[in-house]
Amino acid sequence: MEYLFSYGTLQLKSVQLANFGRELTGKPDTLLEYAIEQVEITDERVLRESGQKYHPILKFTGAIESEVDGTVFELTPHDLMMADSYEVSDYKRVSASLKSGLKCWVYVSAH
């Protein structure tokens, strides 16, 4: 299994149903050393599934006091590929450690 930390639209039921065919089960956790900014989405599919023109995006700060709350989901490798196909090119998937100590994937700014 894979772990994916979500702080944005992957937490939405509509996005989960569209991409995974089911609601995901997750638990709250926190990512350190990142801050949330906003990115404008122009991809029609993502706009339709999320219903939001602006999505949160993470920028690395390196500051230990920077924290982002979210949800960590347990996914299959296939689910992770589906999540990759949902994210637009403004995002890249990186490995991270959460406040709980769990190692996971997270989508952050590609720029």
N, C-alpha and C. Protein backbone atom coordinates (compact mmCIF):
# COMPACT_ATOMS: atom_id res chain seq x y z
N MET A 1 0.84 -1.19 0.00
CA MET A 1 0.00 0.00 0.00
C MET A 1 0.88 1.25 0.00
N GLU A 2 0.29 2.31 -0.50
CA GLU A 2 0.93 3.61 -0.55
C GLU A 2 0.15 4.57 0.34
N TYR A 3 0.83 5.58 0.86
CA TYR A 3 0.17 6.62 1.64
C TYR A 3 0.28 7.94 0.89
N LEU A 4 -0.84 8.66 0.83
CA LEU A 4 -0.89 9.95 0.14
C LEU A 4 -1.49 10.98 1.09
N PHE A 5 -0.76 12.07 1.30
CA PHE A 5 -1.24 13.16 2.13
C PHE A 5 -1.96 14.17 1.24
N SER A 6 -3.19 14.50 1.59
CA SER A 6 -3.97 15.48 0.85
C SER A 6 -4.32 16.65 1.74
N TYR A 7 -4.16 17.84 1.20
CA TYR A 7 -4.48 19.08 1.90
C TYR A 7 -5.49 19.90 1.10
N GLY A 8 -5.97 19.33 0.00
CA GLY A 8 -6.84 20.08 -0.90
C GLY A 8 -7.96 19.25 -1.48
N THR A 9 -8.14 19.33 -2.79
CA THR A 9 -9.34 18.80 -3.43
C THR A 9 -9.42 17.29 -3.46
N LEU A 10 -8.32 16.58 -3.27
CA LEU A 10 -8.42 15.11 -3.19
C LEU A 10 -9.17 14.66 -1.94
N GLN A 11 -9.46 15.59 -1.03
CA GLN A 11 -10.27 15.27 0.14
C GLN A 11 -11.77 15.35 -0.17
N LEU A 12 -12.12 15.92 -1.33
CA LEU A 12 -13.53 16.09 -1.70
C LEU A 12 -14.15 14.78 -2.18
N LYS A 13 -15.35 14.50 -1.72
CA LYS A 13 -16.06 13.29 -2.13
C LYS A 13 -16.21 13.22 -3.65
N SER A 14 -16.57 14.34 -4.27
CA SER A 14 -16.77 14.35 -5.73
C SER A 14 -15.49 13.99 -6.48
N VAL A 15 -14.37 14.46 -6.03
CA VAL A 15 -13.08 14.17 -6.67
C VAL A 15 -12.70 12.71 -6.44
N GLN A 16 -12.94 12.21 -5.24
CA GLN A 16 -12.64 10.81 -4.95
C GLN A 16 -13.48 9.86 -5.80
N LEU A 17 -14.78 10.13 -5.90
CA LEU A 17 -15.65 9.28 -6.70
C LEU A 17 -15.26 9.30 -8.18
N ALA A 18 -14.91 10.48 -8.69
CA ALA A 18 -14.53 10.60 -10.09
C ALA A 18 -13.22 9.91 -10.41
N ASN A 19 -12.28 9.90 -9.47
CA ASN A 19 -10.95 9.37 -9.74
C ASN A 19 -10.72 7.95 -9.24
N PHE A 20 -11.39 7.57 -8.16
CA PHE A 20 -11.15 6.26 -7.56
C PHE A 20 -12.38 5.36 -7.56
N GLY A 21 -13.54 5.93 -7.90
CA GLY A 21 -14.77 5.16 -7.92
C GLY A 21 -15.32 4.85 -6.55
N ARG A 22 -14.78 5.50 -5.53
CA ARG A 22 -15.22 5.28 -4.16
C ARG A 22 -14.71 6.42 -3.28
N GLU A 23 -15.30 6.53 -2.09
CA GLU A 23 -14.76 7.46 -1.10
C GLU A 23 -13.56 6.80 -0.43
N LEU A 24 -12.54 7.59 -0.19
CA LEU A 24 -11.34 7.09 0.47
C LEU A 24 -11.48 7.20 1.98
N THR A 25 -10.80 6.32 2.68
CA THR A 25 -10.74 6.40 4.13
C THR A 25 -9.38 6.97 4.52
N GLY A 26 -9.40 7.95 5.38
CA GLY A 26 -8.15 8.57 5.78
C GLY A 26 -8.18 8.99 7.23
N LYS A 27 -7.04 9.52 7.66
CA LYS A 27 -6.96 10.03 9.03
C LYS A 27 -6.21 11.36 9.02
N PRO A 28 -6.54 12.23 9.95
CA PRO A 28 -5.88 13.54 9.99
C PRO A 28 -4.38 13.41 10.29
N ASP A 29 -3.61 14.29 9.69
CA ASP A 29 -2.18 14.36 9.96
C ASP A 29 -1.71 15.74 9.55
N THR A 30 -0.43 16.02 9.74
CA THR A 30 0.13 17.35 9.49
C THR A 30 1.47 17.21 8.77
N LEU A 31 1.67 18.06 7.77
CA LEU A 31 2.92 18.12 7.03
C LEU A 31 3.70 19.34 7.53
N LEU A 32 4.97 19.15 7.83
CA LEU A 32 5.81 20.23 8.34
C LEU A 32 6.66 20.85 7.22
N GLU A 33 7.04 22.09 7.43
CA GLU A 33 7.97 22.84 6.58
C GLU A 33 7.39 23.23 5.22
N TYR A 34 6.07 23.27 5.12
CA TYR A 34 5.40 23.72 3.90
C TYR A 34 4.34 24.75 4.27
N ALA A 35 4.00 25.60 3.30
CA ALA A 35 2.91 26.56 3.44
C ALA A 35 2.01 26.44 2.22
N ILE A 36 0.75 26.79 2.40
CA ILE A 36 -0.24 26.71 1.32
C ILE A 36 -0.33 28.04 0.58
N GLU A 37 -0.29 27.95 -0.74
CA GLU A 37 -0.59 29.07 -1.63
C GLU A 37 -1.75 28.63 -2.53
N GLN A 38 -2.07 29.41 -3.53
CA GLN A 38 -3.16 29.08 -4.45
C GLN A 38 -2.64 29.05 -5.88
N VAL A 39 -3.24 28.17 -6.69
CA VAL A 39 -2.91 28.10 -8.11
C VAL A 39 -4.23 28.08 -8.89
N GLU A 40 -4.26 28.81 -10.02
CA GLU A 40 -5.45 28.81 -10.86
C GLU A 40 -5.45 27.58 -11.76
N ILE A 41 -6.56 26.87 -11.75
CA ILE A 41 -6.71 25.66 -12.54
C ILE A 41 -7.43 25.99 -13.84
N THR A 42 -6.88 25.51 -14.96
CA THR A 42 -7.51 25.74 -16.27
C THR A 42 -7.93 24.43 -16.94
N ASP A 43 -7.51 23.30 -16.40
CA ASP A 43 -7.87 22.00 -16.95
C ASP A 43 -9.37 21.75 -16.74
N GLU A 44 -10.10 21.56 -17.85
CA GLU A 44 -11.56 21.42 -17.78
C GLU A 44 -12.01 20.23 -16.93
N ARG A 45 -11.33 19.11 -17.05
CA ARG A 45 -11.70 17.92 -16.26
C ARG A 45 -11.56 18.19 -14.77
N VAL A 46 -10.44 18.78 -14.38
CA VAL A 46 -10.20 19.05 -12.96
C VAL A 46 -11.18 20.10 -12.45
N LEU A 47 -11.46 21.11 -13.25
CA LEU A 47 -12.46 22.12 -12.86
C LEU A 47 -13.82 21.47 -12.65
N ARG A 48 -14.21 20.58 -13.55
CA ARG A 48 -15.51 19.91 -13.45
C ARG A 48 -15.58 19.03 -12.20
N GLU A 49 -14.51 18.26 -11.93
CA GLU A 49 -14.54 17.33 -10.80
C GLU A 49 -14.45 18.04 -9.46
N SER A 50 -13.65 19.11 -9.38
CA SER A 50 -13.47 19.80 -8.11
C SER A 50 -14.49 20.91 -7.88
N GLY A 51 -14.96 21.51 -8.98
CA GLY A 51 -15.86 22.65 -8.85
C GLY A 51 -15.17 23.91 -8.35
N GLN A 52 -13.83 23.92 -8.40
CA GLN A 52 -13.07 25.05 -7.87
C GLN A 52 -12.05 25.54 -8.89
N LYS A 53 -12.04 26.86 -9.15
CA LYS A 53 -11.09 27.45 -10.09
C LYS A 53 -9.70 27.59 -9.47
N TYR A 54 -9.63 27.81 -8.18
CA TYR A 54 -8.35 27.95 -7.49
C TYR A 54 -8.17 26.79 -6.52
N HIS A 55 -7.01 26.15 -6.60
CA HIS A 55 -6.70 25.02 -5.73
C HIS A 55 -5.52 25.38 -4.84
N PRO A 56 -5.48 24.81 -3.64
CA PRO A 56 -4.30 25.01 -2.80
C PRO A 56 -3.10 24.27 -3.40
N ILE A 57 -1.92 24.83 -3.17
CA ILE A 57 -0.67 24.20 -3.63
C ILE A 57 0.38 24.47 -2.57
N LEU A 58 1.24 23.50 -2.34
CA LEU A 58 2.25 23.62 -1.29
C LEU A 58 3.56 24.17 -1.83
N LYS A 59 4.15 25.07 -1.05
CA LYS A 59 5.49 25.59 -1.31
C LYS A 59 6.35 25.26 -0.10
N PHE A 60 7.54 24.72 -0.36
CA PHE A 60 8.46 24.38 0.72
C PHE A 60 8.99 25.66 1.35
N THR A 61 8.95 25.73 2.69
CA THR A 61 9.48 26.88 3.41
C THR A 61 10.76 26.54 4.16
N GLY A 62 10.89 25.27 4.58
CA GLY A 62 12.02 24.86 5.40
C GLY A 62 11.89 25.29 6.85
N ALA A 63 10.84 26.02 7.17
CA ALA A 63 10.63 26.51 8.54
C ALA A 63 9.83 25.48 9.32
N ILE A 64 10.38 25.00 10.42
CA ILE A 64 9.73 23.95 11.22
C ILE A 64 8.37 24.40 11.73
N GLU A 65 8.17 25.72 11.89
CA GLU A 65 6.87 26.20 12.39
C GLU A 65 5.80 26.22 11.29
N SER A 66 6.19 26.04 10.04
CA SER A 66 5.21 25.96 8.95
C SER A 66 4.56 24.59 8.98
N GLU A 67 3.23 24.57 9.10
CA GLU A 67 2.49 23.32 9.17
C GLU A 67 1.26 23.39 8.28
N VAL A 68 0.94 22.27 7.66
CA VAL A 68 -0.26 22.17 6.84
C VAL A 68 -1.04 20.95 7.32
N ASP A 69 -2.27 21.18 7.74
CA ASP A 69 -3.13 20.08 8.16
C ASP A 69 -3.82 19.47 6.95
N GLY A 70 -4.08 18.18 7.04
CA GLY A 70 -4.76 17.49 5.95
C GLY A 70 -5.14 16.09 6.35
N THR A 71 -5.26 15.24 5.35
CA THR A 71 -5.68 13.85 5.55
C THR A 71 -4.70 12.94 4.84
N VAL A 72 -4.31 11.87 5.50
CA VAL A 72 -3.46 10.87 4.85
C VAL A 72 -4.34 9.67 4.50
N PHE A 73 -4.27 9.29 3.21
CA PHE A 73 -5.07 8.19 2.69
C PHE A 73 -4.17 7.00 2.37
N GLU A 74 -4.69 5.80 2.58
CA GLU A 74 -4.00 4.58 2.17
C GLU A 74 -4.54 4.20 0.79
N LEU A 75 -3.63 4.10 -0.20
CA LEU A 75 -4.02 3.84 -1.57
C LEU A 75 -3.29 2.63 -2.13
N THR A 76 -3.88 2.03 -3.14
CA THR A 76 -3.18 1.00 -3.90
C THR A 76 -2.24 1.71 -4.89
N PRO A 77 -1.27 1.01 -5.45
CA PRO A 77 -0.44 1.62 -6.49
C PRO A 77 -1.28 2.13 -7.67
N HIS A 78 -2.34 1.40 -8.03
CA HIS A 78 -3.23 1.86 -9.11
C HIS A 78 -3.92 3.17 -8.72
N ASP A 79 -4.39 3.26 -7.47
CA ASP A 79 -5.02 4.50 -6.99
C ASP A 79 -4.05 5.67 -7.11
N LEU A 80 -2.79 5.43 -6.77
CA LEU A 80 -1.79 6.48 -6.82
C LEU A 80 -1.60 6.96 -8.27
N MET A 81 -1.63 6.04 -9.21
CA MET A 81 -1.54 6.41 -10.63
C MET A 81 -2.75 7.26 -11.04
N MET A 82 -3.92 6.93 -10.51
CA MET A 82 -5.12 7.71 -10.81
C MET A 82 -5.01 9.12 -10.22
N ALA A 83 -4.44 9.23 -9.03
CA ALA A 83 -4.23 10.54 -8.42
C ALA A 83 -3.24 11.35 -9.27
N ASP A 84 -2.19 10.70 -9.77
CA ASP A 84 -1.24 11.38 -10.64
C ASP A 84 -1.93 11.95 -11.87
N SER A 85 -2.88 11.21 -12.44
CA SER A 85 -3.55 11.67 -13.66
C SER A 85 -4.50 12.84 -13.37
N TYR A 86 -4.94 12.97 -12.13
CA TYR A 86 -5.82 14.08 -11.74
C TYR A 86 -5.04 15.38 -11.60
N GLU A 87 -3.84 15.31 -11.08
CA GLU A 87 -3.06 16.52 -10.79
C GLU A 87 -2.54 17.14 -12.08
N VAL A 88 -2.64 18.46 -12.18
CA VAL A 88 -2.16 19.19 -13.35
C VAL A 88 -0.65 19.41 -13.23
N SER A 89 -0.04 19.94 -14.29
CA SER A 89 1.42 20.06 -14.35
C SER A 89 2.01 21.05 -13.35
N ASP A 90 1.17 21.83 -12.68
CA ASP A 90 1.67 22.73 -11.63
C ASP A 90 2.15 21.96 -10.40
N TYR A 91 1.76 20.67 -10.31
CA TYR A 91 2.08 19.85 -9.15
C TYR A 91 3.08 18.77 -9.52
N LYS A 92 3.88 18.38 -8.54
CA LYS A 92 4.71 17.19 -8.66
C LYS A 92 4.55 16.38 -7.37
N ARG A 93 4.71 15.08 -7.49
CA ARG A 93 4.57 14.20 -6.31
C ARG A 93 5.96 13.95 -5.72
N VAL A 94 6.07 14.19 -4.40
CA VAL A 94 7.33 13.98 -3.69
C VAL A 94 7.08 13.15 -2.44
N SER A 95 8.13 12.56 -1.95
CA SER A 95 8.07 11.80 -0.70
C SER A 95 8.23 12.77 0.47
N ALA A 96 7.51 12.50 1.55
CA ALA A 96 7.58 13.37 2.72
C ALA A 96 7.32 12.54 3.98
N SER A 97 7.68 13.12 5.11
CA SER A 97 7.36 12.53 6.41
C SER A 97 6.38 13.46 7.11
N LEU A 98 5.34 12.87 7.68
CA LEU A 98 4.32 13.64 8.38
C LEU A 98 4.68 13.80 9.86
N LYS A 99 3.98 14.67 10.52
CA LYS A 99 4.20 14.92 11.94
C LYS A 99 4.07 13.64 12.75
N SER A 100 3.19 12.74 12.32
CA SER A 100 2.99 11.46 13.01
C SER A 100 4.18 10.51 12.83
N GLY A 101 5.08 10.83 11.87
CA GLY A 101 6.20 9.96 11.56
C GLY A 101 5.96 9.08 10.34
N LEU A 102 4.73 9.08 9.84
CA LEU A 102 4.39 8.28 8.67
C LEU A 102 5.05 8.86 7.43
N LYS A 103 5.63 8.00 6.60
CA LYS A 103 6.20 8.41 5.32
C LYS A 103 5.11 8.28 4.26
N CYS A 104 5.04 9.28 3.37
CA CYS A 104 3.95 9.32 2.41
C CYS A 104 4.37 10.06 1.15
N TRP A 105 3.45 10.11 0.19
CA TRP A 105 3.57 10.95 -0.98
C TRP A 105 2.72 12.20 -0.76
N VAL A 106 3.12 13.29 -1.39
CA VAL A 106 2.35 14.52 -1.34
C VAL A 106 2.60 15.30 -2.63
N TYR A 107 1.58 16.00 -3.10
CA TYR A 107 1.71 16.84 -4.28
C TYR A 107 2.06 18.25 -3.85
N VAL A 108 3.16 18.76 -4.41
CA VAL A 108 3.67 20.10 -4.07
C VAL A 108 3.86 20.88 -5.36
N SER A 109 4.21 22.14 -5.23
CA SER A 109 4.44 22.99 -6.41
C SER A 109 5.60 22.44 -7.24
N ALA A 110 5.36 22.33 -8.54
CA ALA A 110 6.41 21.87 -9.45
C ALA A 110 7.36 23.00 -9.83
N HIS A 111 7.07 24.20 -9.39
CA HIS A 111 7.89 25.37 -9.78
C HIS A 111 8.74 25.87 -8.63
